[in-house]
Amino acid sequence: MQRAGRHGRQPPEGGPMENGVGQEPGTPEPPAALRAPRARPRLVFHTQLAHGSPTGRIEGFTNVKELYAKIAEVFNISPTEILFCTLNTHKVDMQKLLGGQIGLEDFIFAHVRGETKEVEVTKTEDALGLTITDNGAGYAFIKRIKEGSIINRLQTVCVGDSIEAINDHTIVGCRHYEVARMLRELPRAQPFTLRLVQPKKAFDMIGQRTRTGKSPGEGRVASGKETLRLRTQGPAVLEEGPSPSEEEAARQVDDLLESYMGIRDSELASTMVEAAKGSPSVAQLAQGLDSVLGEFAFPQEFVAEVWAAVCHPKGDKE
């Protein structure tokens, strides 16, 4: 973003500046109603490395990859070192995970690569008890571990661990739904190896093994609060935070994603809520989702439950 007066013609000496345009001395200012609206102030966010660092300032990003690049530049690290970011806490708190929206006063903490570890797993049941998400920049990681599950019995596996490889097959660059599908398709009773990368921990986080339970509004910013929405394509935009009803619908859809696919993704859930609100029937929602999210291969019964959750939520009097 160019600063006024930095490039191009300089204003006449002594002439006031109005939106970067010089005015002749003595020229009356136009009425307030006729003045061009002033540009919004630039958006600057504060950031730290979660395990400890000085505070940096970043601006000018429009998506998650650019955000990571800006953070990496501030701290002189590679963007590939960043596993994920949390908002307003340095802890591995999946309820504060940065998604596609950032409140204008949020403080961003970047969790970077720590130790690598390998664990052997035997799939004695169809479900491992893992919920997978990803950071939008090539790393899938563990968002939840189900109590009493196969993975829950492996003390070395923690929430926040990035899954780097399955049986020495690297999955860096894969989306969370692809990783969940690979894990579901592994045969039972046959051991396999997970290579995991844990986030670097501050001293007060050592020994912590987090299993986050469900919480209303997980991964969402406060409703009614102006936020910066990051988009995969196109520029970031300022918009109002979701309403309570939209938050609840997105939470229900996120729960359905976990139930059917073993993933959680608050931004995907919000996208599906918007699609369902504009679809008069399940068939039209299925067609719309297939056109923009066909790679997920959503089952028909899942689409029906999404449509019902958004368009006919429980408690409606209709």
Foldseek 3Di string as FASTA:
>chain_A
DDDQQPDDDHAPVPFDDQLSHGDDPPDDDDDPVPGDDHDDDFQKAWEDALQDDDIDIFGDDFALLVVLVRVCVRVVHDSQFFFFKFWPHSDLAQLRTAAQKDFSHIYIYTFGWDDKDKDKFAAQDLDQQFFWAGRVQFWIFTQAGDPPGRVNVVVVHAGQKTFQDKQPHGRGNPGRLVVLVVSSPDDHRDMIMTIITHTDHHPVCPPDGDGDDDDQLRNFDDAQTWIWGHDPDDGIDIDGGDDSLLSQLLSVLQVLCCVPRSYGHSVVSSVLLVLLVPDPDLVSSVVVCCVPPVVSVDDSVSSVVSNCCNVPNPPDPD
